[in-house]
Amino acid sequence: MNFSQSISSYFSKYATFSGRASRSEFWWFYLFFTLMNWAASIVGAVTLGMGMEAGATAFSLILQLAFLMPWLAVASRRMHDINKSGWWMLIMFTGIGVFFLIYWWAKQGDNAQNRFGDPVLQG
């Protein structure tokens, strides 16, 4: 899955927590989110005129709130691809759990059908 396909998938599965997502779908979405966050920070700093920190933070926060649901959905589907429940993402609140999540999100998914559905094109 390339960048544009990943973004198309993002818009079509905005709040879909069922199914599976390939590594490429997740990481391309993450890149898109990061680029949008940087752009929002720059726009906020330039347009609000409240100083670099306050303006950047305001626009960035709005964008992050808008992207929270789709990020949770694609991250949950990514967990499904390795045959883990999306509820495992709650370990990020332990601090060290973030490292486990990064490993799982980077891990190749199951090549066979699992309890979350058919395999997706790996990337």
PDB file of N, CA and C in Angstrom:
ATOM      1  N   MET A   1       0.847  -1.161   0.000  1.00  0.00           N
ATOM      2  CA  MET A   1       0.000   0.000   0.000  1.00  0.00           C
ATOM      3  C   MET A   1       0.901   1.235   0.000  1.00  0.00           C
ATOM      4  N   ASN A   2       0.629   2.150  -0.922  1.00  0.00           N
ATOM      5  CA  ASN A   2       1.434   3.361  -0.981  1.00  0.00           C
ATOM      6  C   ASN A   2       0.778   4.487  -0.178  1.00  0.00           C
ATOM      7  N   PHE A   3       1.396   5.657  -0.210  1.00  0.00           N
ATOM      8  CA  PHE A   3       0.939   6.780   0.599  1.00  0.00           C
ATOM      9  C   PHE A   3      -0.498   7.174   0.278  1.00  0.00           C
ATOM     10  N   SER A   4      -0.807   7.355  -1.001  1.00  0.00           N
ATOM     11  CA  SER A   4      -2.159   7.807  -1.377  1.00  0.00           C
ATOM     12  C   SER A   4      -3.213   6.749  -1.068  1.00  0.00           C
ATOM     13  N   GLN A   5      -2.895   5.474  -1.260  1.00  0.00           N
ATOM     14  CA  GLN A   5      -3.844   4.413  -0.917  1.00  0.00           C
ATOM     15  C   GLN A   5      -4.099   4.382   0.586  1.00  0.00           C
ATOM     16  N   SER A   6      -3.064   4.609   1.362  1.00  0.00           N
ATOM     17  CA  SER A   6      -3.208   4.621   2.811  1.00  0.00           C
ATOM     18  C   SER A   6      -4.116   5.761   3.268  1.00  0.00           C
ATOM     19  N   ILE A   7      -3.954   6.932   2.675  1.00  0.00           N
ATOM     20  CA  ILE A   7      -4.790   8.077   3.049  1.00  0.00           C
ATOM     21  C   ILE A   7      -6.222   7.844   2.598  1.00  0.00           C
ATOM     22  N   SER A   8      -6.417   7.246   1.434  1.00  0.00           N
ATOM     23  CA  SER A   8      -7.774   6.899   0.983  1.00  0.00           C
ATOM     24  C   SER A   8      -8.417   5.911   1.937  1.00  0.00           C
ATOM     25  N   SER A   9      -7.654   4.933   2.364  1.00  0.00           N
ATOM     26  CA  SER A   9      -8.154   3.958   3.331  1.00  0.00           C
ATOM     27  C   SER A   9      -8.504   4.644   4.643  1.00  0.00           C
ATOM     28  N   TYR A  10      -7.690   5.607   5.038  1.00  0.00           N
ATOM     29  CA  TYR A  10      -7.944   6.368   6.264  1.00  0.00           C
ATOM     30  C   TYR A  10      -9.296   7.050   6.202  1.00  0.00           C
ATOM     31  N   PHE A  11      -9.593   7.727   5.093  1.00  0.00           N
ATOM     32  CA  PHE A  11     -10.861   8.434   4.988  1.00  0.00           C
ATOM     33  C   PHE A  11     -12.051   7.488   4.860  1.00  0.00           C
ATOM     34  N   SER A  12     -11.853   6.329   4.249  1.00  0.00           N
ATOM     35  CA  SER A  12     -12.968   5.392   4.102  1.00  0.00           C
ATOM     36  C   SER A  12     -13.216   4.564   5.365  1.00  0.00           C
ATOM     37  N   LYS A  13     -12.210   4.426   6.221  1.00  0.00           N
ATOM     38  CA  LYS A  13     -12.346   3.641   7.460  1.00  0.00           C
ATOM     39  C   LYS A  13     -12.102   4.535   8.673  1.00  0.00           C
ATOM     40  N   TYR A  14     -12.638   5.741   8.654  1.00  0.00           N
ATOM     41  CA  TYR A  14     -12.360   6.762   9.656  1.00  0.00           C
ATOM     42  C   TYR A  14     -12.524   6.258  11.091  1.00  0.00           C
ATOM     43  N   ALA A  15     -13.598   5.536  11.367  1.00  0.00           N
ATOM     44  CA  ALA A  15     -13.857   5.052  12.736  1.00  0.00           C
ATOM     45  C   ALA A  15     -14.160   3.560  12.735  1.00  0.00           C
ATOM     46  N   THR A  16     -13.535   2.810  11.838  1.00  0.00           N
ATOM     47  CA  THR A  16     -13.749   1.370  11.748  1.00  0.00           C
ATOM     48  C   THR A  16     -12.689   0.653  12.582  1.00  0.00           C
ATOM     49  N   PHE A  17     -13.133  -0.001  13.636  1.00  0.00           N
ATOM     50  CA  PHE A  17     -12.213  -0.696  14.526  1.00  0.00           C
ATOM     51  C   PHE A  17     -12.131  -2.190  14.209  1.00  0.00           C
ATOM     52  N   SER A  18     -12.974  -2.676  13.321  1.00  0.00           N
ATOM     53  CA  SER A  18     -12.942  -4.096  12.974  1.00  0.00           C
ATOM     54  C   SER A  18     -12.088  -4.299  11.729  1.00  0.00           C
ATOM     55  N   GLY A  19     -11.581  -5.489  11.583  1.00  0.00           N
ATOM     56  CA  GLY A  19     -10.744  -5.806  10.436  1.00  0.00           C
ATOM     57  C   GLY A  19      -9.278  -5.681  10.774  1.00  0.00           C
ATOM     58  N   ARG A  20      -8.483  -5.637   9.722  1.00  0.00           N
ATOM     59  CA  ARG A  20      -7.034  -5.636   9.880  1.00  0.00           C
ATOM     60  C   ARG A  20      -6.418  -4.529   9.035  1.00  0.00           C
ATOM     61  N   ALA A  21      -5.251  -4.041   9.459  1.00  0.00           N
ATOM     62  CA  ALA A  21      -4.511  -3.016   8.712  1.00  0.00           C
ATOM     63  C   ALA A  21      -3.068  -3.479   8.556  1.00  0.00           C
ATOM     64  N   SER A  22      -2.539  -3.308   7.374  1.00  0.00           N
ATOM     65  CA  SER A  22      -1.152  -3.711   7.116  1.00  0.00           C
ATOM     66  C   SER A  22      -0.188  -2.715   7.754  1.00  0.00           C
ATOM     67  N   ARG A  23       1.071  -3.123   7.823  1.00  0.00           N
ATOM     68  CA  ARG A  23       2.099  -2.228   8.359  1.00  0.00           C
ATOM     69  C   ARG A  23       2.173  -0.948   7.552  1.00  0.00           C
ATOM     70  N   SER A  24       2.150  -1.087   6.232  1.00  0.00           N
ATOM     71  CA  SER A  24       2.284   0.110   5.394  1.00  0.00           C
ATOM     72  C   SER A  24       1.104   1.055   5.588  1.00  0.00           C
ATOM     73  N   GLU A  25      -0.100   0.510   5.729  1.00  0.00           N
ATOM     74  CA  GLU A  25      -1.257   1.373   5.963  1.00  0.00           C
ATOM     75  C   GLU A  25      -1.081   2.174   7.263  1.00  0.00           C
ATOM     76  N   PHE A  26      -0.638   1.509   8.310  1.00  0.00           N
ATOM     77  CA  PHE A  26      -0.453   2.174   9.594  1.00  0.00           C
ATOM     78  C   PHE A  26       0.651   3.221   9.529  1.00  0.00           C
ATOM     79  N   TRP A  27       1.812   2.858   9.001  1.00  0.00           N
ATOM     80  CA  TRP A  27       2.949   3.779   9.027  1.00  0.00           C
ATOM     81  C   TRP A  27       2.795   4.921   8.045  1.00  0.00           C
ATOM     82  N   TRP A  28       2.151   4.716   6.889  1.00  0.00           N
ATOM     83  CA  TRP A  28       1.880   5.830   5.986  1.00  0.00           C
ATOM     84  C   TRP A  28       0.897   6.793   6.631  1.00  0.00           C
ATOM     85  N   PHE A  29      -0.108   6.247   7.331  1.00  0.00           N
ATOM     86  CA  PHE A  29      -1.043   7.116   8.043  1.00  0.00           C
ATOM     87  C   PHE A  29      -0.298   7.910   9.117  1.00  0.00           C
ATOM     88  N   TYR A  30       0.609   7.257   9.822  1.00  0.00           N
ATOM     89  CA  TYR A  30       1.365   7.934  10.867  1.00  0.00           C
ATOM     90  C   TYR A  30       2.209   9.065  10.272  1.00  0.00           C
ATOM     91  N   LEU A  31       2.829   8.846   9.118  1.00  0.00           N
ATOM     92  CA  LEU A  31       3.592   9.892   8.437  1.00  0.00           C
ATOM     93  C   LEU A  31       2.669  11.048   8.050  1.00  0.00           C
ATOM     94  N   PHE A  32       1.504  10.738   7.495  1.00  0.00           N
ATOM     95  CA  PHE A  32       0.527  11.762   7.116  1.00  0.00           C
ATOM     96  C   PHE A  32       0.128  12.591   8.333  1.00  0.00           C
ATOM     97  N   PHE A  33      -0.148  11.925   9.431  1.00  0.00           N
ATOM     98  CA  PHE A  33      -0.525  12.615  10.667  1.00  0.00           C
ATOM     99  C   PHE A  33       0.606  13.517  11.148  1.00  0.00           C
ATOM    100  N   THR A  34       1.827  13.045  11.127  1.00  0.00           N
ATOM    101  CA  THR A  34       2.977  13.833  11.563  1.00  0.00           C
ATOM    102  C   THR A  34       3.165  15.063  10.684  1.00  0.00           C
ATOM    103  N   LEU A  35       3.060  14.895   9.368  1.00  0.00           N
ATOM    104  CA  LEU A  35       3.192  16.035   8.454  1.00  0.00           C
ATOM    105  C   LEU A  35       2.080  17.051   8.676  1.00  0.00           C
ATOM    106  N   MET A  36       0.864  16.575   8.863  1.00  0.00           N
ATOM    107  CA  MET A  36      -0.265  17.475   9.132  1.00  0.00           C
ATOM    108  C   MET A  36      -0.065  18.206  10.455  1.00  0.00           C
ATOM    109  N   ASN A  37       0.473  17.529  11.447  1.00  0.00           N
ATOM    110  CA  ASN A  37       0.716  18.144  12.745  1.00  0.00           C
ATOM    111  C   ASN A  37       1.775  19.252  12.631  1.00  0.00           C
ATOM    112  N   TRP A  38       2.821  18.993  11.891  1.00  0.00           N
ATOM    113  CA  TRP A  38       3.837  20.028  11.670  1.00  0.00           C
ATOM    114  C   TRP A  38       3.229  21.232  10.945  1.00  0.00           C
ATOM    115  N   ALA A  39       2.441  20.953   9.903  1.00  0.00           N
ATOM    116  CA  ALA A  39       1.809  22.041   9.148  1.00  0.00           C
ATOM    117  C   ALA A  39       0.877  22.852  10.047  1.00  0.00           C
ATOM    118  N   ALA A  40       0.112  22.170  10.885  1.00  0.00           N
ATOM    119  CA  ALA A  40      -0.798  22.867  11.800  1.00  0.00           C
ATOM    120  C   ALA A  40      -0.021  23.726  12.787  1.00  0.00           C
ATOM    121  N   SER A  41       1.107  23.246  13.233  1.00  0.00           N
ATOM    122  CA  SER A  41       1.941  24.033  14.144  1.00  0.00           C
ATOM    123  C   SER A  41       2.449  25.299  13.473  1.00  0.00           C
ATOM    124  N   ILE A  42       2.897  25.178  12.235  1.00  0.00           N
ATOM    125  CA  ILE A  42       3.406  26.338  11.503  1.00  0.00           C
ATOM    126  C   ILE A  42       2.284  27.335  11.236  1.00  0.00           C
ATOM    127  N   VAL A  43       1.145  26.835  10.757  1.00  0.00           N
ATOM    128  CA  VAL A  43       0.005  27.714  10.481  1.00  0.00           C
ATOM    129  C   VAL A  43      -0.456  28.402  11.760  1.00  0.00           C
ATOM    130  N   GLY A  44      -0.526  27.664  12.851  1.00  0.00           N
ATOM    131  CA  GLY A  44      -0.940  28.251  14.108  1.00  0.00           C
ATOM    132  C   GLY A  44       0.009  29.317  14.597  1.00  0.00           C
ATOM    133  N   ALA A  45       1.288  29.092  14.459  1.00  0.00           N
ATOM    134  CA  ALA A  45       2.280  30.079  14.905  1.00  0.00           C
ATOM    135  C   ALA A  45       2.229  31.337  14.059  1.00  0.00           C
ATOM    136  N   VAL A  46       1.978  31.174  12.748  1.00  0.00           N
ATOM    137  CA  VAL A  46       1.983  32.323  11.848  1.00  0.00           C
ATOM    138  C   VAL A  46       0.683  33.114  11.948  1.00  0.00           C
ATOM    139  N   THR A  47      -0.445  32.419  11.991  1.00  0.00           N
ATOM    140  CA  THR A  47      -1.729  33.116  11.926  1.00  0.00           C
ATOM    141  C   THR A  47      -2.231  33.664  13.250  1.00  0.00           C
ATOM    142  N   LEU A  48      -1.998  32.989  14.330  1.00  0.00           N
ATOM    143  CA  LEU A  48      -2.540  33.450  15.606  1.00  0.00           C
ATOM    144  C   LEU A  48      -1.732  34.588  16.202  1.00  0.00           C
ATOM    145  N   GLY A  49      -0.485  34.678  15.840  1.00  0.00           N
ATOM    146  CA  GLY A  49       0.343  35.773  16.309  1.00  0.00           C
ATOM    147  C   GLY A  49       0.497  35.829  17.825  1.00  0.00           C
ATOM    148  N   MET A  50       0.302  34.693  18.486  1.00  0.00           N
ATOM    149  CA  MET A  50       0.412  34.655  19.939  1.00  0.00           C
ATOM    150  C   MET A  50       1.807  34.194  20.357  1.00  0.00           C
ATOM    151  N   GLY A  51       2.716  34.203  19.470  1.00  0.00           N
ATOM    152  CA  GLY A  51       4.030  33.663  19.764  1.00  0.00           C
ATOM    153  C   GLY A  51       4.113  32.261  19.218  1.00  0.00           C
ATOM    154  N   MET A  52       5.290  31.808  18.975  1.00  0.00           N
ATOM    155  CA  MET A  52       5.503  30.505  18.351  1.00  0.00           C
ATOM    156  C   MET A  52       4.908  29.370  19.169  1.00  0.00           C
ATOM    157  N   GLU A  53       5.105  29.383  20.458  1.00  0.00           N
ATOM    158  CA  GLU A  53       4.647  28.262  21.291  1.00  0.00           C
ATOM    159  C   GLU A  53       3.130  28.180  21.378  1.00  0.00           C
ATOM    160  N   ALA A  54       2.473  29.273  21.733  1.00  0.00           N
ATOM    161  CA  ALA A  54       1.026  29.242  21.969  1.00  0.00           C
ATOM    162  C   ALA A  54       0.246  28.973  20.690  1.00  0.00           C
ATOM    163  N   GLY A  55       0.597  29.636  19.609  1.00  0.00           N
ATOM    164  CA  GLY A  55      -0.117  29.443  18.349  1.00  0.00           C
ATOM    165  C   GLY A  55       0.074  28.049  17.799  1.00  0.00           C
ATOM    166  N   ALA A  56       1.292  27.559  17.846  1.00  0.00           N
ATOM    167  CA  ALA A  56       1.591  26.216  17.354  1.00  0.00           C
ATOM    168  C   ALA A  56       0.859  25.179  18.179  1.00  0.00           C
ATOM    169  N   THR A  57       0.822  25.382  19.474  1.00  0.00           N
ATOM    170  CA  THR A  57       0.162  24.428  20.359  1.00  0.00           C
ATOM    171  C   THR A  57      -1.342  24.392  20.117  1.00  0.00           C
ATOM    172  N   ALA A  58      -1.966  25.546  19.919  1.00  0.00           N
ATOM    173  CA  ALA A  58      -3.416  25.607  19.728  1.00  0.00           C
ATOM    174  C   ALA A  58      -3.839  24.850  18.469  1.00  0.00           C
ATOM    175  N   PHE A  59      -3.238  25.136  17.339  1.00  0.00           N
ATOM    176  CA  PHE A  59      -3.606  24.462  16.096  1.00  0.00           C
ATOM    177  C   PHE A  59      -3.254  22.985  16.145  1.00  0.00           C
ATOM    178  N   SER A  60      -2.125  22.671  16.703  1.00  0.00           N
ATOM    179  CA  SER A  60      -1.699  21.280  16.807  1.00  0.00           C
ATOM    180  C   SER A  60      -2.674  20.483  17.672  1.00  0.00           C
ATOM    181  N   LEU A  61      -3.129  21.063  18.760  1.00  0.00           N
ATOM    182  CA  LEU A  61      -4.080  20.385  19.645  1.00  0.00           C
ATOM    183  C   LEU A  61      -5.404  20.113  18.932  1.00  0.00           C
ATOM    184  N   ILE A  62      -5.874  21.074  18.166  1.00  0.00           N
ATOM    185  CA  ILE A  62      -7.122  20.884  17.405  1.00  0.00           C
ATOM    186  C   ILE A  62      -6.965  19.731  16.419  1.00  0.00           C
ATOM    187  N   LEU A  63      -5.852  19.701  15.711  1.00  0.00           N
ATOM    188  CA  LEU A  63      -5.608  18.625  14.751  1.00  0.00           C
ATOM    189  C   LEU A  63      -5.513  17.276  15.454  1.00  0.00           C
ATOM    190  N   GLN A  64      -4.817  17.216  16.572  1.00  0.00           N
ATOM    191  CA  GLN A  64      -4.671  15.960  17.295  1.00  0.00           C
ATOM    192  C   GLN A  64      -6.018  15.438  17.786  1.00  0.00           C
ATOM    193  N   LEU A  65      -6.887  16.322  18.219  1.00  0.00           N
ATOM    194  CA  LEU A  65      -8.225  15.897  18.639  1.00  0.00           C
ATOM    195  C   LEU A  65      -9.031  15.371  17.449  1.00  0.00           C
ATOM    196  N   ALA A  66      -8.871  16.009  16.292  1.00  0.00           N
ATOM    197  CA  ALA A  66      -9.576  15.553  15.090  1.00  0.00           C
ATOM    198  C   ALA A  66      -9.067  14.191  14.620  1.00  0.00           C
ATOM    199  N   PHE A  67      -7.791  13.914  14.834  1.00  0.00           N
ATOM    200  CA  PHE A  67      -7.190  12.668  14.366  1.00  0.00           C
ATOM    201  C   PHE A  67      -7.185  11.562  15.414  1.00  0.00           C
ATOM    202  N   LEU A  68      -7.685  11.829  16.602  1.00  0.00           N
ATOM    203  CA  LEU A  68      -7.639  10.828  17.665  1.00  0.00           C
ATOM    204  C   LEU A  68      -8.418   9.565  17.302  1.00  0.00           C
ATOM    205  N   MET A  69      -9.654   9.717  16.876  1.00  0.00           N
ATOM    206  CA  MET A  69     -10.489   8.555  16.550  1.00  0.00           C
ATOM    207  C   MET A  69      -9.899   7.733  15.401  1.00  0.00           C
ATOM    208  N   PRO A  70      -9.525   8.341  14.260  1.00  0.00           N
ATOM    209  CA  PRO A  70      -8.953   7.519  13.188  1.00  0.00           C
ATOM    210  C   PRO A  70      -7.624   6.887  13.571  1.00  0.00           C
ATOM    211  N   TRP A  71      -6.823   7.571  14.391  1.00  0.00           N
ATOM    212  CA  TRP A  71      -5.560   6.982  14.825  1.00  0.00           C
ATOM    213  C   TRP A  71      -5.819   5.750  15.687  1.00  0.00           C
ATOM    214  N   LEU A  72      -6.761   5.851  16.611  1.00  0.00           N
ATOM    215  CA  LEU A  72      -7.106   4.691  17.434  1.00  0.00           C
ATOM    216  C   LEU A  72      -7.638   3.549  16.578  1.00  0.00           C
ATOM    217  N   ALA A  73      -8.424   3.887  15.554  1.00  0.00           N
ATOM    218  CA  ALA A  73      -9.002   2.856  14.684  1.00  0.00           C
ATOM    219  C   ALA A  73      -7.910   2.137  13.890  1.00  0.00           C
ATOM    220  N   VAL A  74      -7.017   2.878  13.240  1.00  0.00           N
ATOM    221  CA  VAL A  74      -5.984   2.218  12.433  1.00  0.00           C
ATOM    222  C   VAL A  74      -4.995   1.478  13.325  1.00  0.00           C
ATOM    223  N   ALA A  75      -4.695   2.006  14.505  1.00  0.00           N
ATOM    224  CA  ALA A  75      -3.789   1.312  15.426  1.00  0.00           C
ATOM    225  C   ALA A  75      -4.428   0.026  15.938  1.00  0.00           C
ATOM    226  N   SER A  76      -5.724   0.062  16.183  1.00  0.00           N
ATOM    227  CA  SER A  76      -6.434  -1.135  16.632  1.00  0.00           C
ATOM    228  C   SER A  76      -6.463  -2.193  15.530  1.00  0.00           C
ATOM    229  N   ARG A  77      -6.732  -1.760  14.290  1.00  0.00           N
ATOM    230  CA  ARG A  77      -6.725  -2.707  13.172  1.00  0.00           C
ATOM    231  C   ARG A  77      -5.330  -3.280  12.952  1.00  0.00           C
ATOM    232  N   ARG A  78      -4.307  -2.465  13.213  1.00  0.00           N
ATOM    233  CA  ARG A  78      -2.920  -2.963  13.094  1.00  0.00           C
ATOM    234  C   ARG A  78      -2.658  -4.051  14.128  1.00  0.00           C
ATOM    235  N   MET A  79      -3.175  -3.864  15.347  1.00  0.00           N
ATOM    236  CA  MET A  79      -3.040  -4.889  16.384  1.00  0.00           C
ATOM    237  C   MET A  79      -3.769  -6.162  15.963  1.00  0.00           C
ATOM    238  N   HIS A  80      -4.914  -6.004  15.320  1.00  0.00           N
ATOM    239  CA  HIS A  80      -5.666  -7.168  14.847  1.00  0.00           C
ATOM    240  C   HIS A  80      -4.864  -7.962  13.825  1.00  0.00           C
ATOM    241  N   ASP A  81      -4.042  -7.283  13.030  1.00  0.00           N
ATOM    242  CA  ASP A  81      -3.274  -7.966  12.000  1.00  0.00           C
ATOM    243  C   ASP A  81      -2.240  -8.914  12.605  1.00  0.00           C
ATOM    244  N   ILE A  82      -1.812  -8.659  13.824  1.00  0.00           N
ATOM    245  CA  ILE A  82      -0.868  -9.566  14.488  1.00  0.00           C
ATOM    246  C   ILE A  82      -1.600 -10.446  15.505  1.00  0.00           C
ATOM    247  N   ASN A  83      -2.930 -10.494  15.382  1.00  0.00           N
ATOM    248  CA  ASN A  83      -3.800 -11.353  16.196  1.00  0.00           C
ATOM    249  C   ASN A  83      -3.804 -10.955  17.673  1.00  0.00           C
ATOM    250  N   LYS A  84      -3.791  -9.651  17.910  1.00  0.00           N
ATOM    251  CA  LYS A  84      -3.925  -9.123  19.270  1.00  0.00           C
ATOM    252  C   LYS A  84      -5.125  -8.176  19.289  1.00  0.00           C
ATOM    253  N   SER A  85      -5.781  -8.127  20.427  1.00  0.00           N
ATOM    254  CA  SER A  85      -6.912  -7.231  20.599  1.00  0.00           C
ATOM    255  C   SER A  85      -6.423  -5.783  20.625  1.00  0.00           C
ATOM    256  N   GLY A  86      -7.258  -4.881  20.146  1.00  0.00           N
ATOM    257  CA  GLY A  86      -6.931  -3.463  20.203  1.00  0.00           C
ATOM    258  C   GLY A  86      -6.834  -2.941  21.624  1.00  0.00           C
ATOM    259  N   TRP A  87      -7.436  -3.646  22.563  1.00  0.00           N
ATOM    260  CA  TRP A  87      -7.374  -3.248  23.966  1.00  0.00           C
ATOM    261  C   TRP A  87      -5.939  -3.282  24.499  1.00  0.00           C
ATOM    262  N   TRP A  88      -5.036  -3.995  23.824  1.00  0.00           N
ATOM    263  CA  TRP A  88      -3.641  -4.018  24.237  1.00  0.00           C
ATOM    264  C   TRP A  88      -3.008  -2.635  24.176  1.00  0.00           C
ATOM    265  N   MET A  89      -3.614  -1.730  23.423  1.00  0.00           N
ATOM    266  CA  MET A  89      -3.047  -0.389  23.324  1.00  0.00           C
ATOM    267  C   MET A  89      -3.114   0.362  24.657  1.00  0.00           C
ATOM    268  N   LEU A  90      -3.906  -0.116  25.579  1.00  0.00           N
ATOM    269  CA  LEU A  90      -3.979   0.522  26.892  1.00  0.00           C
ATOM    270  C   LEU A  90      -2.659   0.431  27.662  1.00  0.00           C
ATOM    271  N   ILE A  91      -1.776  -0.480  27.238  1.00  0.00           N
ATOM    272  CA  ILE A  91      -0.492  -0.581  27.943  1.00  0.00           C
ATOM    273  C   ILE A  91       0.394   0.636  27.707  1.00  0.00           C
ATOM    274  N   MET A  92       0.002   1.500  26.750  1.00  0.00           N
ATOM    275  CA  MET A  92       0.793   2.715  26.532  1.00  0.00           C
ATOM    276  C   MET A  92       0.772   3.617  27.762  1.00  0.00           C
ATOM    277  N   PHE A  93      -0.223   3.473  28.608  1.00  0.00           N
ATOM    278  CA  PHE A  93      -0.319   4.305  29.803  1.00  0.00           C
ATOM    279  C   PHE A  93       0.639   3.857  30.901  1.00  0.00           C
ATOM    280  N   THR A  94       1.311   2.745  30.715  1.00  0.00           N
ATOM    281  CA  THR A  94       2.296   2.301  31.696  1.00  0.00           C
ATOM    282  C   THR A  94       3.657   2.938  31.454  1.00  0.00           C
ATOM    283  N   GLY A  95       3.816   3.602  30.341  1.00  0.00           N
ATOM    284  CA  GLY A  95       5.105   4.219  30.007  1.00  0.00           C
ATOM    285  C   GLY A  95       5.966   3.276  29.195  1.00  0.00           C
ATOM    286  N   ILE A  96       6.376   2.180  29.774  1.00  0.00           N
ATOM    287  CA  ILE A  96       7.216   1.213  29.067  1.00  0.00           C
ATOM    288  C   ILE A  96       6.420   0.453  28.002  1.00  0.00           C
ATOM    289  N   GLY A  97       5.114   0.437  28.133  1.00  0.00           N
ATOM    290  CA  GLY A  97       4.263  -0.263  27.178  1.00  0.00           C
ATOM    291  C   GLY A  97       4.346   0.301  25.775  1.00  0.00           C
ATOM    292  N   VAL A  98       4.743   1.556  25.641  1.00  0.00           N
ATOM    293  CA  VAL A  98       4.883   2.176  24.320  1.00  0.00           C
ATOM    294  C   VAL A  98       5.892   1.413  23.475  1.00  0.00           C
ATOM    295  N   PHE A  99       6.948   0.918  24.102  1.00  0.00           N
ATOM    296  CA  PHE A  99       7.968   0.167  23.360  1.00  0.00           C
ATOM    297  C   PHE A  99       7.396  -1.145  22.814  1.00  0.00           C
ATOM    298  N   PHE A 100       6.557  -1.807  23.602  1.00  0.00           N
ATOM    299  CA  PHE A 100       5.896  -3.023  23.115  1.00  0.00           C
ATOM    300  C   PHE A 100       4.993  -2.696  21.937  1.00  0.00           C
ATOM    301  N   LEU A 101       4.245  -1.601  22.017  1.00  0.00           N
ATOM    302  CA  LEU A 101       3.340  -1.225  20.935  1.00  0.00           C
ATOM    303  C   LEU A 101       4.105  -0.917  19.655  1.00  0.00           C
ATOM    304  N   ILE A 102       5.191  -0.197  19.758  1.00  0.00           N
ATOM    305  CA  ILE A 102       5.988   0.108  18.563  1.00  0.00           C
ATOM    306  C   ILE A 102       6.499  -1.182  17.929  1.00  0.00           C
ATOM    307  N   TYR A 103       6.944  -2.109  18.763  1.00  0.00           N
ATOM    308  CA  TYR A 103       7.405  -3.400  18.242  1.00  0.00           C
ATOM    309  C   TYR A 103       6.257  -4.124  17.541  1.00  0.00           C
ATOM    310  N   TRP A 104       5.094  -4.181  18.172  1.00  0.00           N
ATOM    311  CA  TRP A 104       3.950  -4.884  17.576  1.00  0.00           C
ATOM    312  C   TRP A 104       3.479  -4.205  16.302  1.00  0.00           C
ATOM    313  N   TRP A 105       3.461  -2.865  16.262  1.00  0.00           N
ATOM    314  CA  TRP A 105       3.033  -2.167  15.059  1.00  0.00           C
ATOM    315  C   TRP A 105       4.018  -2.387  13.915  1.00  0.00           C
ATOM    316  N   ALA A 106       5.289  -2.603  14.232  1.00  0.00           N
ATOM    317  CA  ALA A 106       6.301  -2.825  13.197  1.00  0.00           C
ATOM    318  C   ALA A 106       6.404  -4.294  12.777  1.00  0.00           C
ATOM    319  N   LYS A 107       5.827  -5.176  13.558  1.00  0.00           N
ATOM    320  CA  LYS A 107       5.904  -6.614  13.305  1.00  0.00           C
ATOM    321  C   LYS A 107       5.049  -6.991  12.089  1.00  0.00           C
ATOM    322  N   GLN A 108       5.536  -7.968  11.327  1.00  0.00           N
ATOM    323  CA  GLN A 108       4.754  -8.451  10.189  1.00  0.00           C
ATOM    324  C   GLN A 108       3.495  -9.143  10.696  1.00  0.00           C
ATOM    325  N   GLY A 109       2.397  -8.924  10.003  1.00  0.00           N
ATOM    326  CA  GLY A 109       1.122  -9.512  10.389  1.00  0.00           C
ATOM    327  C   GLY A 109       1.024 -10.985  10.038  1.00  0.00           C
ATOM    328  N   ASP A 110      -0.029 -11.616  10.520  1.00  0.00           N
ATOM    329  CA  ASP A 110      -0.286 -13.024  10.213  1.00  0.00           C
ATOM    330  C   ASP A 110      -0.605 -13.179   8.734  1.00  0.00           C
ATOM    331  N   ASN A 111      -0.020 -14.188   8.109  1.00  0.00           N
ATOM    332  CA  ASN A 111      -0.280 -14.452   6.694  1.00  0.00           C
ATOM    333  C   ASN A 111      -1.540 -15.266   6.480  1.00  0.00           C
ATOM    334  N   ALA A 112      -2.087 -15.802   7.544  1.00  0.00           N
ATOM    335  CA  ALA A 112      -3.297 -16.614   7.455  1.00  0.00           C
ATOM    336  C   ALA A 112      -4.462 -15.873   8.107  1.00  0.00           C
ATOM    337  N   GLN A 113      -5.642 -16.387   7.869  1.00  0.00           N
ATOM    338  CA  GLN A 113      -6.817 -15.801   8.501  1.00  0.00           C
ATOM    339  C   GLN A 113      -6.698 -15.966  10.014  1.00  0.00           C
ATOM    340  N   ASN A 114      -7.100 -14.937  10.749  1.00  0.00           N
ATOM    341  CA  ASN A 114      -7.137 -15.040  12.197  1.00  0.00           C
ATOM    342  C   ASN A 114      -8.529 -14.623  12.678  1.00  0.00           C
ATOM    343  N   ARG A 115      -8.707 -14.479  13.965  1.00  0.00           N
ATOM    344  CA  ARG A 115     -10.045 -14.198  14.504  1.00  0.00           C
ATOM    345  C   ARG A 115     -10.557 -12.817  14.113  1.00  0.00           C
ATOM    346  N   PHE A 116      -9.705 -11.987  13.506  1.00  0.00           N
ATOM    347  CA  PHE A 116     -10.119 -10.636  13.112  1.00  0.00           C
ATOM    348  C   PHE A 116     -10.368 -10.506  11.620  1.00  0.00           C
ATOM    349  N   GLY A 117     -10.172 -11.572  10.875  1.00  0.00           N
ATOM    350  CA  GLY A 117     -10.486 -11.531   9.449  1.00  0.00           C
ATOM    351  C   GLY A 117      -9.401 -12.097   8.568  1.00  0.00           C
ATOM    352  N   ASP A 118      -9.586 -11.879   7.286  1.00  0.00           N
ATOM    353  CA  ASP A 118      -8.640 -12.365   6.271  1.00  0.00           C
ATOM    354  C   ASP A 118      -7.366 -11.533   6.304  1.00  0.00           C
ATOM    355  N   PRO A 119      -6.266 -12.122   5.840  1.00  0.00           N
ATOM    356  CA  PRO A 119      -5.011 -11.360   5.816  1.00  0.00           C
ATOM    357  C   PRO A 119      -5.087 -10.182   4.856  1.00  0.00           C
ATOM    358  N   VAL A 120      -4.304  -9.153   5.138  1.00  0.00           N
ATOM    359  CA  VAL A 120      -4.229  -7.990   4.265  1.00  0.00           C
ATOM    360  C   VAL A 120      -2.907  -8.053   3.509  1.00  0.00           C
ATOM    361  N   LEU A 121      -2.826  -7.302   2.444  1.00  0.00           N
ATOM    362  CA  LEU A 121      -1.582  -7.208   1.677  1.00  0.00           C
ATOM    363  C   LEU A 121      -0.514  -6.640   2.601  1.00  0.00           C
ATOM    364  N   GLN A 122       0.552  -7.389   2.802  1.00  0.00           N
ATOM    365  CA  GLN A 122       1.603  -6.956   3.706  1.00  0.00           C
ATOM    366  C   GLN A 122       2.453  -5.882   3.073  1.00  0.00           C
ATOM    367  N   GLY A 123       2.938  -5.019   3.917  1.00  0.00           N
ATOM    368  CA  GLY A 123       3.806  -3.952   3.434  1.00  0.00           C
ATOM    369  C   GLY A 123       4.692  -3.464   4.528  1.00  0.00           C
TER     370      GLY A 123
END
